[in-house]
Amino acid sequence: MTDLTAVSLFAGVGGFDLALERSGVKVVAAVEIDKNARAVLAKQFPKTELFNDVAEVSADDLLRAGFVPERGIICGGFPCQDLSVAGKRAGLAGGRSGLFWEVVRLTRELQPKWIILENVPGLLSSNGGRDMGTVLGALGELGYGFAYRVLDAQFFGVPQRRRRVFIVGCLGNNGTAPSEVLAVREGLRGHLEAGDKKGKATPRGAASRPRTGGELTGGGQTLYGQTGFAKYTEGMTKTLSATDYKRAEDNVIVS
């Protein structure tokens, strides 16, 4: 894995960067507009070339920094303010969450092998599910097979309940490889595992087992999920429109 290179967009203080480096991936460039966060990146990742504004960085900039698309990963948690249920929910039309289209621009120009995106669960319901459909549709149009899953930091050794949607795409793949990436085990040794309710633990491994009890088809895509997890709405291309199953973490949705 040491030959993999990565670009971290919306890097913050380097959460993705640290995880990638610990996995043997060389993070050659990071993009972060906040000067204080950028100062942290400069100190913690001195070998990574820093850029200020995702709207101004070019594919050539990232190639010069050492990014190798055929062995490359573009990752980023694009701004969530317009998608969060705590905000005004302008969605991808908002000035902040709309920066997702800069991710699309760079992905189109560079065609990296992998793309990893992260956002709040509100992405799933923003504009009635249409924004999630837009994100997944954009990846599909760029040639990426993808999978997505909701993961909660509290089941990975972090003393905080922090649910986030992770989307993994692989260029030219049918979604199998991304689904394998997301089929991670929730619950680490020494930490409580996911339970159906407080004080009741699930059997070891049960919370992390991807399930494919239902198969839903639409928009030229096959979407897999546990029966009752979601339903497909005609015209809602490449996504599931409702997430009414209370433990979305138990599912890996593949397309």
Protein backbone atom coordinates (compact mmCIF):
# COMPACT_ATOMS: atom_id res chain seq x y z
CA MET A 1 0.00 0.00 0.00
CA THR A 2 3.02 2.28 0.27
CA ASP A 3 2.74 3.28 -3.39
CA LEU A 4 -0.68 4.88 -2.90
CA THR A 5 -0.90 8.68 -2.95
CA ALA A 6 -3.69 10.86 -1.63
CA VAL A 7 -5.10 14.37 -1.74
CA SER A 8 -7.07 15.56 1.29
CA LEU A 9 -9.75 18.15 0.47
CA PHE A 10 -11.42 20.20 3.22
CA ALA A 11 -8.66 18.74 5.36
CA GLY A 12 -9.44 20.48 8.65
CA VAL A 13 -6.76 19.47 11.13
CA GLY A 14 -6.00 16.24 9.27
CA GLY A 15 -8.33 13.45 10.38
CA PHE A 16 -8.34 11.74 6.98
CA ASP A 17 -4.66 12.58 6.57
CA LEU A 18 -3.66 10.85 9.79
CA ALA A 19 -5.73 7.76 9.01
CA LEU A 20 -4.25 7.49 5.52
CA GLU A 21 -0.67 7.95 6.67
CA ARG A 22 -1.15 5.33 9.38
CA SER A 23 -2.29 2.99 6.61
CA GLY A 24 0.84 3.62 4.59
CA VAL A 25 -0.65 6.09 2.10
CA LYS A 26 1.42 9.14 1.15
CA VAL A 27 -0.70 12.28 1.49
CA VAL A 28 0.99 14.58 -1.00
CA ALA A 29 -1.42 17.53 -0.81
CA ALA A 30 -4.05 18.96 1.51
CA VAL A 31 -6.52 21.79 0.86
CA GLU A 32 -7.85 23.82 3.78
CA ILE A 33 -9.07 27.43 3.80
CA ASP A 34 -8.99 28.04 7.57
CA LYS A 35 -5.61 29.50 8.49
CA ASN A 36 -5.57 28.04 12.01
CA ALA A 37 -6.35 24.54 10.78
CA ARG A 38 -3.77 24.98 8.05
CA ALA A 39 -1.18 25.84 10.72
CA VAL A 40 -1.94 22.54 12.44
CA LEU A 41 -1.54 20.70 9.13
CA ALA A 42 1.79 22.41 8.49
CA LYS A 43 3.09 21.27 11.87
CA GLN A 44 1.71 17.74 11.87
CA PHE A 45 2.24 16.92 8.18
CA PRO A 46 5.37 18.84 7.14
CA LYS A 47 5.86 16.77 3.97
CA THR A 48 2.37 17.53 2.65
CA GLU A 49 2.00 20.47 0.27
CA LEU A 50 -0.75 22.81 1.44
CA PHE A 51 -3.28 24.73 -0.64
CA ASN A 52 -5.74 27.33 0.61
CA ASP A 53 -8.91 27.25 -1.48
CA VAL A 54 -10.51 24.19 -3.07
CA ALA A 55 -12.14 26.47 -5.67
CA GLU A 56 -8.74 27.68 -6.82
CA VAL A 57 -6.56 24.58 -6.68
CA SER A 58 -6.08 22.89 -10.06
CA ALA A 59 -5.47 19.34 -11.16
CA ASP A 60 -2.02 20.43 -12.35
CA ASP A 61 -1.25 21.77 -8.86
CA LEU A 62 -2.02 18.38 -7.35
CA LEU A 63 -0.06 16.48 -10.00
CA ARG A 64 2.97 18.70 -9.36
CA ALA A 65 2.63 17.94 -5.66
CA GLY A 66 3.15 14.27 -6.46
CA PHE A 67 -0.37 12.91 -6.85
CA VAL A 68 -0.53 9.79 -9.04
CA PRO A 69 -4.16 9.30 -10.12
CA GLU A 70 -3.91 5.64 -11.11
CA ARG A 71 -2.66 4.92 -7.58
CA GLY A 72 -4.51 7.82 -6.03
CA ILE A 73 -7.18 8.62 -3.47
CA ILE A 74 -9.11 11.87 -3.29
CA CYS A 75 -10.80 12.20 0.07
CA GLY A 76 -12.71 14.86 1.93
CA GLY A 77 -15.54 15.72 4.24
CA PHE A 78 -17.14 18.47 2.16
CA PRO A 79 -18.95 21.19 4.16
CA CYS A 80 -22.08 20.00 5.93
CA GLN A 81 -23.71 23.27 7.02
CA ASP A 82 -26.28 23.30 4.22
CA LEU A 83 -27.11 19.61 4.69
CA SER A 84 -27.35 19.33 8.47
CA VAL A 85 -30.77 19.05 10.04
CA ALA A 86 -29.60 21.81 12.40
CA GLY A 87 -29.16 24.28 9.53
CA LYS A 88 -31.38 25.94 6.95
CA ARG A 89 -30.99 22.94 4.64
CA ALA A 90 -30.15 24.75 1.44
CA GLY A 91 -28.59 21.48 0.32
CA LEU A 92 -26.10 21.26 -2.52
CA ALA A 93 -27.43 24.59 -3.77
CA GLY A 94 -25.93 26.23 -0.68
CA GLY A 95 -22.71 28.17 -0.85
CA ARG A 96 -20.87 25.85 1.50
CA SER A 97 -22.12 22.31 0.83
CA GLY A 98 -22.20 23.26 -2.85
CA LEU A 99 -18.39 23.04 -2.76
CA PHE A 100 -19.04 19.36 -3.46
CA TRP A 101 -18.91 20.38 -7.13
CA GLU A 102 -15.25 21.29 -6.70
CA VAL A 103 -14.69 17.68 -5.67
CA VAL A 104 -16.46 16.62 -8.86
CA ARG A 105 -14.33 19.01 -10.93
CA LEU A 106 -11.04 17.68 -9.57
CA THR A 107 -12.21 14.08 -9.80
CA ARG A 108 -13.23 14.55 -13.43
CA GLU A 109 -9.88 16.13 -14.30
CA LEU A 110 -7.69 13.69 -12.37
CA GLN A 111 -9.70 10.43 -12.49
CA PRO A 112 -8.18 8.98 -9.30
CA LYS A 113 -8.60 5.28 -8.65
CA TRP A 114 -10.42 5.92 -5.38
CA ILE A 115 -12.61 8.62 -3.86
CA ILE A 116 -13.73 8.78 -0.22
CA LEU A 117 -16.34 11.29 0.93
CA GLU A 118 -17.83 11.97 4.36
CA ASN A 119 -20.76 14.05 5.55
CA VAL A 120 -23.54 14.26 8.12
CA PRO A 121 -26.50 11.83 7.97
CA GLY A 122 -28.63 14.82 6.96
CA LEU A 123 -27.23 14.29 3.46
CA LEU A 124 -29.51 11.25 3.17
CA SER A 125 -32.68 13.30 3.67
CA SER A 126 -31.66 16.68 2.25
CA ASN A 127 -34.21 17.84 -0.32
CA GLY A 128 -36.15 14.64 0.10
CA GLY A 129 -33.13 12.48 -0.75
CA ARG A 130 -32.42 14.29 -4.00
CA ASP A 131 -29.08 15.68 -2.82
CA MET A 132 -27.80 12.21 -1.98
CA GLY A 133 -29.03 11.11 -5.39
CA THR A 134 -27.11 13.97 -6.95
CA VAL A 135 -23.89 13.01 -5.16
CA LEU A 136 -24.15 9.35 -6.12
CA GLY A 137 -25.31 10.19 -9.63
CA ALA A 138 -22.27 12.40 -10.13
CA LEU A 139 -19.96 9.57 -9.07
CA GLY A 140 -21.73 7.16 -11.39
CA GLU A 141 -21.44 9.54 -14.33
CA LEU A 142 -17.72 9.86 -13.65
CA GLY A 143 -17.36 6.08 -13.92
CA TYR A 144 -17.20 5.14 -10.24
CA GLY A 145 -18.86 2.15 -8.66
CA PHE A 146 -19.66 3.08 -5.10
CA ALA A 147 -20.96 2.03 -1.72
CA TYR A 148 -22.06 4.07 1.26
CA ARG A 149 -22.65 3.42 4.92
CA VAL A 150 -23.44 5.31 8.11
CA LEU A 151 -20.77 4.78 10.77
CA ASP A 152 -20.71 6.02 14.36
CA ALA A 153 -17.41 7.03 15.97
CA GLN A 154 -18.49 5.72 19.37
CA PHE A 155 -18.05 2.17 18.12
CA PHE A 156 -14.46 2.77 17.03
CA GLY A 157 -12.90 3.81 20.32
CA VAL A 158 -13.96 7.47 20.35
CA PRO A 159 -15.91 8.64 23.43
CA GLN A 160 -18.41 10.55 21.30
CA ARG A 161 -21.58 9.69 19.41
CA ARG A 162 -20.77 10.95 15.93
CA ARG A 163 -22.73 9.41 13.08
CA ARG A 164 -21.47 10.18 9.58
CA VAL A 165 -22.17 8.95 6.06
CA PHE A 166 -19.10 7.55 4.32
CA ILE A 167 -19.15 7.13 0.55
CA VAL A 168 -16.40 5.14 -1.17
CA GLY A 169 -16.00 5.06 -4.94
CA CYS A 170 -13.66 3.01 -7.13
CA LEU A 171 -13.07 3.92 -10.77
CA GLY A 172 -14.32 1.27 -13.18
CA ASN A 173 -15.55 -1.01 -10.38
CA ASN A 174 -19.09 -2.35 -9.96
CA GLY A 175 -19.21 -1.39 -6.29
CA THR A 176 -17.77 -4.61 -4.92
CA ALA A 177 -14.43 -3.10 -3.92
CA PRO A 178 -15.99 -0.08 -2.15
CA SER A 179 -18.39 -2.36 -0.28
CA GLU A 180 -15.43 -4.39 0.98
CA VAL A 181 -13.78 -1.21 2.25
CA LEU A 182 -16.92 -0.29 4.19
CA ALA A 183 -17.55 -3.77 5.60
CA VAL A 184 -15.60 -2.85 8.72
CA ARG A 185 -16.14 -4.25 12.15
CA GLU A 186 -17.81 -1.88 14.61
CA GLY A 187 -16.59 -2.16 18.18
CA LEU A 188 -12.96 -2.33 19.22
CA ARG A 189 -11.45 -4.33 22.03
CA GLY A 190 -11.98 -2.48 25.27
CA HIS A 191 -14.98 -0.51 23.99
CA LEU A 192 -18.70 -1.19 24.03
CA GLU A 193 -20.14 -2.60 20.85
CA ALA A 194 -23.27 -1.36 19.15
CA GLY A 195 -26.50 -2.36 20.83
CA ASP A 196 -30.17 -2.22 20.00
CA LYS A 197 -30.71 -0.02 23.04
CA LYS A 198 -28.77 1.31 25.97
CA GLY A 199 -27.49 -1.42 28.23
CA LYS A 200 -28.16 -4.21 25.77
CA ALA A 201 -25.21 -5.35 23.69
CA THR A 202 -25.63 -7.16 20.40
CA PRO A 203 -23.82 -10.48 19.81
CA ARG A 204 -20.17 -10.00 18.95
CA GLY A 205 -19.82 -8.97 15.32
CA ALA A 206 -23.53 -8.66 14.66
CA ALA A 207 -23.55 -4.88 14.42
CA SER A 208 -20.90 -4.83 11.74
CA ARG A 209 -22.13 -7.56 9.45
CA PRO A 210 -23.25 -6.15 6.09
CA ARG A 211 -26.67 -7.48 5.21
CA THR A 212 -28.26 -7.85 1.81
CA GLY A 213 -31.74 -8.98 2.69
CA GLY A 214 -33.41 -6.81 0.09
CA GLU A 215 -32.54 -6.02 -3.49
CA LEU A 216 -33.97 -2.88 -5.05
CA THR A 217 -33.45 -1.88 -8.63
CA GLY A 218 -33.89 1.46 -10.37
CA GLY A 219 -32.14 3.98 -12.57
CA GLY A 220 -29.88 1.32 -14.04
CA GLN A 221 -28.43 0.54 -10.62
CA THR A 222 -28.85 -2.33 -8.20
CA LEU A 223 -29.01 -1.21 -4.58
CA TYR A 224 -28.62 -3.65 -1.73
CA GLY A 225 -29.94 -3.13 1.77
CA GLN A 226 -31.54 -4.93 4.66
CA THR A 227 -35.26 -5.43 4.17
CA GLY A 228 -37.00 -2.46 5.74
CA PHE A 229 -33.93 -0.22 5.60
CA ALA A 230 -35.14 1.97 2.78
CA LYS A 231 -37.32 2.16 -0.27
CA TYR A 232 -36.63 3.20 -3.81
CA THR A 233 -38.69 6.00 -5.31
CA GLU A 234 -39.12 6.02 -9.07
CA GLY A 235 -37.14 8.85 -10.59
CA MET A 236 -34.77 9.13 -7.61
CA THR A 237 -31.81 8.02 -9.67
CA LYS A 238 -29.07 5.94 -8.09
CA THR A 239 -30.09 6.35 -4.48
CA LEU A 240 -32.48 5.24 -1.79
CA SER A 241 -35.00 7.91 -0.95
CA ALA A 242 -35.93 7.04 2.63
CA THR A 243 -33.93 5.77 5.58
CA ASP A 244 -36.52 4.54 8.00
CA TYR A 245 -34.60 1.58 9.42
CA LYS A 246 -33.26 2.76 12.76
CA ARG A 247 -29.81 1.22 12.46
CA ALA A 248 -28.41 2.28 9.12
CA GLU A 249 -24.98 1.29 10.41
CA ASP A 250 -25.92 -2.35 9.80
CA ASN A 251 -26.05 -1.83 6.05
CA VAL A 252 -23.66 -1.32 3.21
CA ILE A 253 -25.50 0.08 0.20
CA VAL A 254 -23.82 -0.84 -3.07
CA SER A 255 -24.23 0.46 -6.59
